[in-house]
Amino acid sequence: MTGYTPPDTPLDILHEDHEILVVNKPAGLLSVPGKGPNLADCLIARLEAVYPQVLLVHRLDRDTSGVMVFGLTPHAQRHLGLQFEKRQTKKSYLARVSGRLEPKTGTVDLPLIVDWPNRPLQKVDHETGKPAVTDWRVMKASDAESRVKLFPQTGRSHQLRVHMLALGHPILGDPLYAPETADHYPRMMLHAEELRLRHPDGGEGVKFRVAAPF
């Protein structure tokens, strides 16, 4: 992760109450600190400056933007953490991928594991990989690129990026899995658009959404 220059943008708070905080994470900003002082600037550190009690629930990749939820109490952190673990949350992403993705809808079911010699890269591995499932729906397509909605059923590291690559349609601007496209796009074209979960206070279903900026 050379040349980490996170965006200097104000916090974009989508929702705040006594239990949870929902934020629109900008692309290019780490969710949590990396190793070393040069990777200390991250979303949770910026949030802690305003909300000292904020607690991590899940992560988005550095180059992904979009909806992230944080706990403001230990109860909320536990409650939300279990929902993610048990796959009770519903997530949808918007991506622009290379080429014409066909058919219009489908599912990728390919197990993933870290590619140790090349970490943090992940790879498909049918022997030792952990189950990973992604549904997709094409919104519009040309021969050059497709705009797709992605619905991960599991939450593996780099899942959407590796699954799209495995289909032969990598996410445009991805510095790890489609480096040949990275110079042609201002950022990786992947955005966490919507998150549905149960509120830790009472269990009511809630939905948070922010449109993709591309």
C-alpha atoms as a PDB file:
ATOM      1  CA  MET A   1       0.000   0.000   0.000  1.00  0.00           C
ATOM      2  CA  THR A   2       2.462   2.568  -1.207  1.00  0.00           C
ATOM      3  CA  GLY A   3       1.658   6.256  -1.312  1.00  0.00           C
ATOM      4  CA  TYR A   4      -1.316   6.265   1.044  1.00  0.00           C
ATOM      5  CA  THR A   5      -2.920   9.675   0.601  1.00  0.00           C
ATOM      6  CA  PRO A   6      -6.382   9.468   2.159  1.00  0.00           C
ATOM      7  CA  PRO A   7      -8.971  12.035   1.078  1.00  0.00           C
ATOM      8  CA  ASP A   8      -9.309  15.103   3.266  1.00  0.00           C
ATOM      9  CA  THR A   9     -13.103  15.151   3.317  1.00  0.00           C
ATOM     10  CA  PRO A  10     -15.466  15.933   6.195  1.00  0.00           C
ATOM     11  CA  LEU A  11     -17.322  13.070   7.885  1.00  0.00           C
ATOM     12  CA  ASP A  12     -20.526  12.155   6.059  1.00  0.00           C
ATOM     13  CA  ILE A  13     -22.891  10.952   8.799  1.00  0.00           C
ATOM     14  CA  LEU A  14     -25.999   9.250   7.395  1.00  0.00           C
ATOM     15  CA  HIS A  15     -27.669   8.372  10.708  1.00  0.00           C
ATOM     16  CA  GLU A  16     -26.951   8.724  14.399  1.00  0.00           C
ATOM     17  CA  ASP A  17     -28.901   7.614  17.473  1.00  0.00           C
ATOM     18  CA  HIS A  18     -28.207   6.292  20.983  1.00  0.00           C
ATOM     19  CA  GLU A  19     -26.971   2.889  19.720  1.00  0.00           C
ATOM     20  CA  ILE A  20     -25.598   3.165  16.191  1.00  0.00           C
ATOM     21  CA  LEU A  21     -23.736   5.470  13.844  1.00  0.00           C
ATOM     22  CA  VAL A  22     -24.012   5.069  10.055  1.00  0.00           C
ATOM     23  CA  VAL A  23     -21.428   6.720   7.840  1.00  0.00           C
ATOM     24  CA  ASN A  24     -20.695   7.108   4.131  1.00  0.00           C
ATOM     25  CA  LYS A  25     -17.037   6.033   3.902  1.00  0.00           C
ATOM     26  CA  PRO A  26     -15.052   7.820   1.173  1.00  0.00           C
ATOM     27  CA  ALA A  27     -12.961   5.821  -1.303  1.00  0.00           C
ATOM     28  CA  GLY A  28      -9.264   5.827  -0.498  1.00  0.00           C
ATOM     29  CA  LEU A  29      -9.644   5.879   3.298  1.00  0.00           C
ATOM     30  CA  LEU A  30      -8.830   2.828   5.422  1.00  0.00           C
ATOM     31  CA  SER A  31     -11.634   1.605   7.707  1.00  0.00           C
ATOM     32  CA  VAL A  32      -9.146   0.809  10.491  1.00  0.00           C
ATOM     33  CA  PRO A  33      -5.464   1.695  10.943  1.00  0.00           C
ATOM     34  CA  GLY A  34      -2.839  -0.213   8.970  1.00  0.00           C
ATOM     35  CA  LYS A  35       0.609  -1.181  10.242  1.00  0.00           C
ATOM     36  CA  GLY A  36       2.876   1.804  10.808  1.00  0.00           C
ATOM     37  CA  PRO A  37       2.330   5.495  11.561  1.00  0.00           C
ATOM     38  CA  ASN A  38       1.814   6.387   7.892  1.00  0.00           C
ATOM     39  CA  LEU A  39      -1.347   4.230   7.875  1.00  0.00           C
ATOM     40  CA  ALA A  40      -2.819   5.592  11.114  1.00  0.00           C
ATOM     41  CA  ASP A  41      -5.351   7.902   9.436  1.00  0.00           C
ATOM     42  CA  CYS A  42      -8.559   5.904   8.988  1.00  0.00           C
ATOM     43  CA  LEU A  43     -12.313   6.236   9.297  1.00  0.00           C
ATOM     44  CA  ILE A  44     -12.605   4.901  12.846  1.00  0.00           C
ATOM     45  CA  ALA A  45      -9.822   7.233  14.067  1.00  0.00           C
ATOM     46  CA  ARG A  46     -11.617  10.212  12.517  1.00  0.00           C
ATOM     47  CA  LEU A  47     -14.888   9.096  14.122  1.00  0.00           C
ATOM     48  CA  GLU A  48     -13.247   8.602  17.544  1.00  0.00           C
ATOM     49  CA  ALA A  49     -12.295  12.279  17.532  1.00  0.00           C
ATOM     50  CA  VAL A  50     -16.023  13.129  17.537  1.00  0.00           C
ATOM     51  CA  TYR A  51     -17.544   9.978  19.066  1.00  0.00           C
ATOM     52  CA  PRO A  52     -14.999   8.620  21.603  1.00  0.00           C
ATOM     53  CA  GLN A  53     -17.266   5.640  22.348  1.00  0.00           C
ATOM     54  CA  VAL A  54     -17.494   4.423  18.703  1.00  0.00           C
ATOM     55  CA  LEU A  55     -16.947   0.659  18.156  1.00  0.00           C
ATOM     56  CA  LEU A  56     -16.082  -1.263  14.991  1.00  0.00           C
ATOM     57  CA  VAL A  57     -18.614  -3.748  13.584  1.00  0.00           C
ATOM     58  CA  HIS A  58     -17.428  -4.505  10.016  1.00  0.00           C
ATOM     59  CA  ARG A  59     -15.036  -3.105   7.420  1.00  0.00           C
ATOM     60  CA  LEU A  60     -14.960  -1.881   3.853  1.00  0.00           C
ATOM     61  CA  ASP A  61     -11.819  -2.092   1.711  1.00  0.00           C
ATOM     62  CA  ARG A  62      -9.750   1.082   1.496  1.00  0.00           C
ATOM     63  CA  ASP A  63     -10.752   1.728  -2.125  1.00  0.00           C
ATOM     64  CA  THR A  64     -14.464   0.989  -1.621  1.00  0.00           C
ATOM     65  CA  SER A  65     -16.864   3.771  -0.646  1.00  0.00           C
ATOM     66  CA  GLY A  66     -20.295   3.598   0.920  1.00  0.00           C
ATOM     67  CA  VAL A  67     -22.456   2.638   3.872  1.00  0.00           C
ATOM     68  CA  MET A  68     -20.731   1.509   7.076  1.00  0.00           C
ATOM     69  CA  VAL A  69     -22.375   0.976  10.470  1.00  0.00           C
ATOM     70  CA  PHE A  70     -20.631   1.399  13.836  1.00  0.00           C
ATOM     71  CA  GLY A  71     -21.815   0.643  17.355  1.00  0.00           C
ATOM     72  CA  LEU A  72     -22.021   3.390  19.978  1.00  0.00           C
ATOM     73  CA  THR A  73     -22.481   0.912  22.858  1.00  0.00           C
ATOM     74  CA  PRO A  74     -20.996  -2.540  23.577  1.00  0.00           C
ATOM     75  CA  HIS A  75     -24.530  -3.969  23.260  1.00  0.00           C
ATOM     76  CA  ALA A  76     -24.934  -2.500  19.771  1.00  0.00           C
ATOM     77  CA  GLN A  77     -21.514  -3.805  18.707  1.00  0.00           C
ATOM     78  CA  ARG A  78     -22.391  -7.346  19.861  1.00  0.00           C
ATOM     79  CA  HIS A  79     -25.899  -7.257  18.364  1.00  0.00           C
ATOM     80  CA  LEU A  80     -24.708  -5.986  14.975  1.00  0.00           C
ATOM     81  CA  GLY A  81     -21.645  -8.262  14.981  1.00  0.00           C
ATOM     82  CA  LEU A  82     -23.857 -11.314  15.376  1.00  0.00           C
ATOM     83  CA  GLN A  83     -26.095 -10.171  12.508  1.00  0.00           C
ATOM     84  CA  PHE A  84     -23.057  -9.946  10.203  1.00  0.00           C
ATOM     85  CA  GLU A  85     -21.707 -13.281  11.452  1.00  0.00           C
ATOM     86  CA  LYS A  86     -25.045 -15.055  10.927  1.00  0.00           C
ATOM     87  CA  ARG A  87     -25.525 -13.382   7.522  1.00  0.00           C
ATOM     88  CA  GLN A  88     -28.712 -11.658   8.640  1.00  0.00           C
ATOM     89  CA  THR A  89     -27.709  -8.304   7.186  1.00  0.00           C
ATOM     90  CA  LYS A  90     -28.501  -7.547   3.547  1.00  0.00           C
ATOM     91  CA  LYS A  91     -25.871  -5.667   1.553  1.00  0.00           C
ATOM     92  CA  SER A  92     -25.996  -4.345  -1.978  1.00  0.00           C
ATOM     93  CA  TYR A  93     -23.130  -2.773  -3.920  1.00  0.00           C
ATOM     94  CA  LEU A  94     -22.873  -0.948  -7.215  1.00  0.00           C
ATOM     95  CA  ALA A  95     -19.900  -1.674  -9.450  1.00  0.00           C
ATOM     96  CA  ARG A  96     -18.648  -0.857 -12.914  1.00  0.00           C
ATOM     97  CA  VAL A  97     -16.892  -3.874 -14.397  1.00  0.00           C
ATOM     98  CA  SER A  98     -14.909  -4.489 -17.553  1.00  0.00           C
ATOM     99  CA  GLY A  99     -16.737  -5.852 -20.600  1.00  0.00           C
ATOM    100  CA  ARG A 100     -20.312  -7.011 -21.168  1.00  0.00           C
ATOM    101  CA  LEU A 101     -21.385  -9.197 -18.250  1.00  0.00           C
ATOM    102  CA  GLU A 102     -23.827 -11.884 -19.362  1.00  0.00           C
ATOM    103  CA  PRO A 103     -26.361 -13.206 -18.492  1.00  0.00           C
ATOM    104  CA  LYS A 104     -28.257 -10.345 -16.856  1.00  0.00           C
ATOM    105  CA  THR A 105     -28.429 -12.109 -13.505  1.00  0.00           C
ATOM    106  CA  GLY A 106     -26.439 -14.877 -11.926  1.00  0.00           C
ATOM    107  CA  THR A 107     -24.559 -16.184  -8.928  1.00  0.00           C
ATOM    108  CA  VAL A 108     -20.854 -16.729  -8.325  1.00  0.00           C
ATOM    109  CA  ASP A 109     -20.201 -19.556  -5.877  1.00  0.00           C
ATOM    110  CA  LEU A 110     -16.417 -19.806  -5.556  1.00  0.00           C
ATOM    111  CA  PRO A 111     -14.539 -20.427  -2.289  1.00  0.00           C
ATOM    112  CA  LEU A 112     -11.841 -17.904  -1.376  1.00  0.00           C
ATOM    113  CA  ILE A 113      -8.616 -17.904   0.623  1.00  0.00           C
ATOM    114  CA  VAL A 114      -5.737 -15.485   1.112  1.00  0.00           C
ATOM    115  CA  ASP A 115      -3.021 -15.798  -1.562  1.00  0.00           C
ATOM    116  CA  TRP A 116      -0.176 -16.002   0.991  1.00  0.00           C
ATOM    117  CA  PRO A 117       2.824 -15.153  -1.207  1.00  0.00           C
ATOM    118  CA  ASN A 118       0.876 -12.190  -2.642  1.00  0.00           C
ATOM    119  CA  ARG A 119      -1.154 -11.060   0.339  1.00  0.00           C
ATOM    120  CA  PRO A 120      -3.353  -9.056   0.827  1.00  0.00           C
ATOM    121  CA  LEU A 121      -4.607 -10.593  -2.440  1.00  0.00           C
ATOM    122  CA  GLN A 122      -7.222 -13.333  -2.177  1.00  0.00           C
ATOM    123  CA  LYS A 123      -7.757 -16.187  -4.626  1.00  0.00           C
ATOM    124  CA  VAL A 124     -10.253 -18.900  -5.543  1.00  0.00           C
ATOM    125  CA  ASP A 125      -9.294 -22.228  -3.959  1.00  0.00           C
ATOM    126  CA  HIS A 126     -11.639 -25.215  -4.178  1.00  0.00           C
ATOM    127  CA  GLU A 127      -9.592 -27.296  -1.726  1.00  0.00           C
ATOM    128  CA  THR A 128      -9.068 -24.972   1.250  1.00  0.00           C
ATOM    129  CA  GLY A 129     -11.077 -21.836   0.447  1.00  0.00           C
ATOM    130  CA  LYS A 130     -13.966 -20.648   2.615  1.00  0.00           C
ATOM    131  CA  PRO A 131     -17.446 -20.577   1.031  1.00  0.00           C
ATOM    132  CA  ALA A 132     -18.161 -17.315  -0.796  1.00  0.00           C
ATOM    133  CA  VAL A 133     -21.334 -16.499  -2.732  1.00  0.00           C
ATOM    134  CA  THR A 134     -22.255 -13.360  -4.690  1.00  0.00           C
ATOM    135  CA  ASP A 135     -25.435 -12.673  -6.681  1.00  0.00           C
ATOM    136  CA  TRP A 136     -25.318 -10.128  -9.491  1.00  0.00           C
ATOM    137  CA  ARG A 137     -27.782  -8.147 -11.604  1.00  0.00           C
ATOM    138  CA  VAL A 138     -26.748  -6.119 -14.643  1.00  0.00           C
ATOM    139  CA  MET A 139     -28.264  -2.614 -14.714  1.00  0.00           C
ATOM    140  CA  LYS A 140     -26.860  -1.623 -18.105  1.00  0.00           C
ATOM    141  CA  ALA A 141     -24.085  -2.874 -20.342  1.00  0.00           C
ATOM    142  CA  SER A 142     -21.993  -2.065 -23.381  1.00  0.00           C
ATOM    143  CA  ASP A 143     -19.114  -3.984 -24.950  1.00  0.00           C
ATOM    144  CA  ALA A 144     -16.692  -1.836 -22.932  1.00  0.00           C
ATOM    145  CA  GLU A 145     -18.240  -2.072 -19.472  1.00  0.00           C
ATOM    146  CA  SER A 146     -21.228  -3.140 -17.399  1.00  0.00           C
ATOM    147  CA  ARG A 147     -22.929  -1.409 -14.486  1.00  0.00           C
ATOM    148  CA  VAL A 148     -23.950  -4.094 -12.018  1.00  0.00           C
ATOM    149  CA  LYS A 149     -25.576  -4.539  -8.634  1.00  0.00           C
ATOM    150  CA  LEU A 150     -23.749  -7.043  -6.445  1.00  0.00           C
ATOM    151  CA  PHE A 151     -25.347  -8.831  -3.511  1.00  0.00           C
ATOM    152  CA  PRO A 152     -22.795 -10.686  -1.361  1.00  0.00           C
ATOM    153  CA  GLN A 153     -24.337 -13.565   0.587  1.00  0.00           C
ATOM    154  CA  THR A 154     -21.086 -14.036   2.506  1.00  0.00           C
ATOM    155  CA  GLY A 155     -18.547 -11.493   3.724  1.00  0.00           C
ATOM    156  CA  ARG A 156     -15.122 -12.723   2.646  1.00  0.00           C
ATOM    157  CA  SER A 157     -12.222 -10.344   2.222  1.00  0.00           C
ATOM    158  CA  HIS A 158     -12.104  -8.892  -1.333  1.00  0.00           C
ATOM    159  CA  GLN A 159     -15.018 -11.178  -2.228  1.00  0.00           C
ATOM    160  CA  LEU A 160     -16.689  -8.984  -4.853  1.00  0.00           C
ATOM    161  CA  ARG A 161     -13.374  -8.039  -6.427  1.00  0.00           C
ATOM    162  CA  VAL A 162     -12.169 -11.645  -6.797  1.00  0.00           C
ATOM    163  CA  HIS A 163     -15.548 -12.976  -7.901  1.00  0.00           C
ATOM    164  CA  MET A 164     -15.848 -10.405 -10.679  1.00  0.00           C
ATOM    165  CA  LEU A 165     -12.275 -11.133 -11.744  1.00  0.00           C
ATOM    166  CA  ALA A 166     -13.075 -14.871 -11.796  1.00  0.00           C
ATOM    167  CA  LEU A 167     -15.970 -14.154 -14.170  1.00  0.00           C
ATOM    168  CA  GLY A 168     -13.543 -12.334 -16.471  1.00  0.00           C
ATOM    169  CA  HIS A 169     -15.093  -8.938 -15.669  1.00  0.00           C
ATOM    170  CA  PRO A 170     -12.844  -7.248 -13.074  1.00  0.00           C
ATOM    171  CA  ILE A 171     -13.987  -4.104 -11.294  1.00  0.00           C
ATOM    172  CA  LEU A 172     -12.675  -1.071 -13.156  1.00  0.00           C
ATOM    173  CA  GLY A 173      -9.998   0.969 -11.405  1.00  0.00           C
ATOM    174  CA  ASP A 174      -9.137  -1.871  -8.999  1.00  0.00           C
ATOM    175  CA  PRO A 175      -5.440  -1.372  -8.154  1.00  0.00           C
ATOM    176  CA  LEU A 176      -4.997  -4.991  -7.005  1.00  0.00           C
ATOM    177  CA  TYR A 177      -7.035  -7.120  -9.383  1.00  0.00           C
ATOM    178  CA  ALA A 178      -7.216  -4.920 -12.487  1.00  0.00           C
ATOM    179  CA  PRO A 179      -4.089  -2.715 -12.218  1.00  0.00           C
ATOM    180  CA  GLU A 180      -4.106  -2.166 -15.976  1.00  0.00           C
ATOM    181  CA  THR A 181      -7.317  -0.131 -15.543  1.00  0.00           C
ATOM    182  CA  ALA A 182      -6.266   1.804 -12.422  1.00  0.00           C
ATOM    183  CA  ASP A 183      -4.705   4.727 -14.325  1.00  0.00           C
ATOM    184  CA  HIS A 184      -7.861   5.249 -16.367  1.00  0.00           C
ATOM    185  CA  TYR A 185     -10.243   5.741 -13.435  1.00  0.00           C
ATOM    186  CA  PRO A 186     -10.083   8.183 -10.517  1.00  0.00           C
ATOM    187  CA  ARG A 187     -10.871   5.387  -8.040  1.00  0.00           C
ATOM    188  CA  MET A 188     -12.042   1.789  -7.806  1.00  0.00           C
ATOM    189  CA  MET A 189     -15.572   1.574  -9.160  1.00  0.00           C
ATOM    190  CA  LEU A 190     -17.133  -0.223  -6.192  1.00  0.00           C
ATOM    191  CA  HIS A 191     -19.603   1.362  -3.776  1.00  0.00           C
ATOM    192  CA  ALA A 192     -21.553  -0.108  -0.846  1.00  0.00           C
ATOM    193  CA  GLU A 193     -24.935   1.340  -1.745  1.00  0.00           C
ATOM    194  CA  GLU A 194     -27.361  -0.156   0.766  1.00  0.00           C
ATOM    195  CA  LEU A 195     -27.307  -1.939   4.105  1.00  0.00           C
ATOM    196  CA  ARG A 196     -30.304  -3.509   5.811  1.00  0.00           C
ATOM    197  CA  LEU A 197     -30.126  -4.694   9.395  1.00  0.00           C
ATOM    198  CA  ARG A 198     -32.081  -4.996  12.619  1.00  0.00           C
ATOM    199  CA  HIS A 199     -31.722  -2.098  15.043  1.00  0.00           C
ATOM    200  CA  PRO A 200     -29.990  -3.198  18.280  1.00  0.00           C
ATOM    201  CA  ASP A 201     -32.687  -1.430  20.307  1.00  0.00           C
ATOM    202  CA  GLY A 202     -35.827  -3.499  19.680  1.00  0.00           C
ATOM    203  CA  GLY A 203     -34.810  -5.394  16.554  1.00  0.00           C
ATOM    204  CA  GLU A 204     -36.800  -3.333  14.049  1.00  0.00           C
ATOM    205  CA  GLY A 205     -35.635  -3.618  10.435  1.00  0.00           C
ATOM    206  CA  VAL A 206     -33.842  -0.492   9.179  1.00  0.00           C
ATOM    207  CA  LYS A 207     -32.317   0.414   5.819  1.00  0.00           C
ATOM    208  CA  PHE A 208     -29.500   2.849   5.036  1.00  0.00           C
ATOM    209  CA  ARG A 209     -28.652   3.855   1.506  1.00  0.00           C
ATOM    210  CA  VAL A 210     -26.357   6.260  -0.295  1.00  0.00           C
ATOM    211  CA  ALA A 211     -26.190   6.537  -4.098  1.00  0.00           C
ATOM    212  CA  ALA A 212     -22.934   5.729  -5.870  1.00  0.00           C
ATOM    213  CA  PRO A 213     -20.885   8.823  -6.777  1.00  0.00           C
ATOM    214  CA  PHE A 214     -20.059   7.371 -10.226  1.00  0.00           C
END
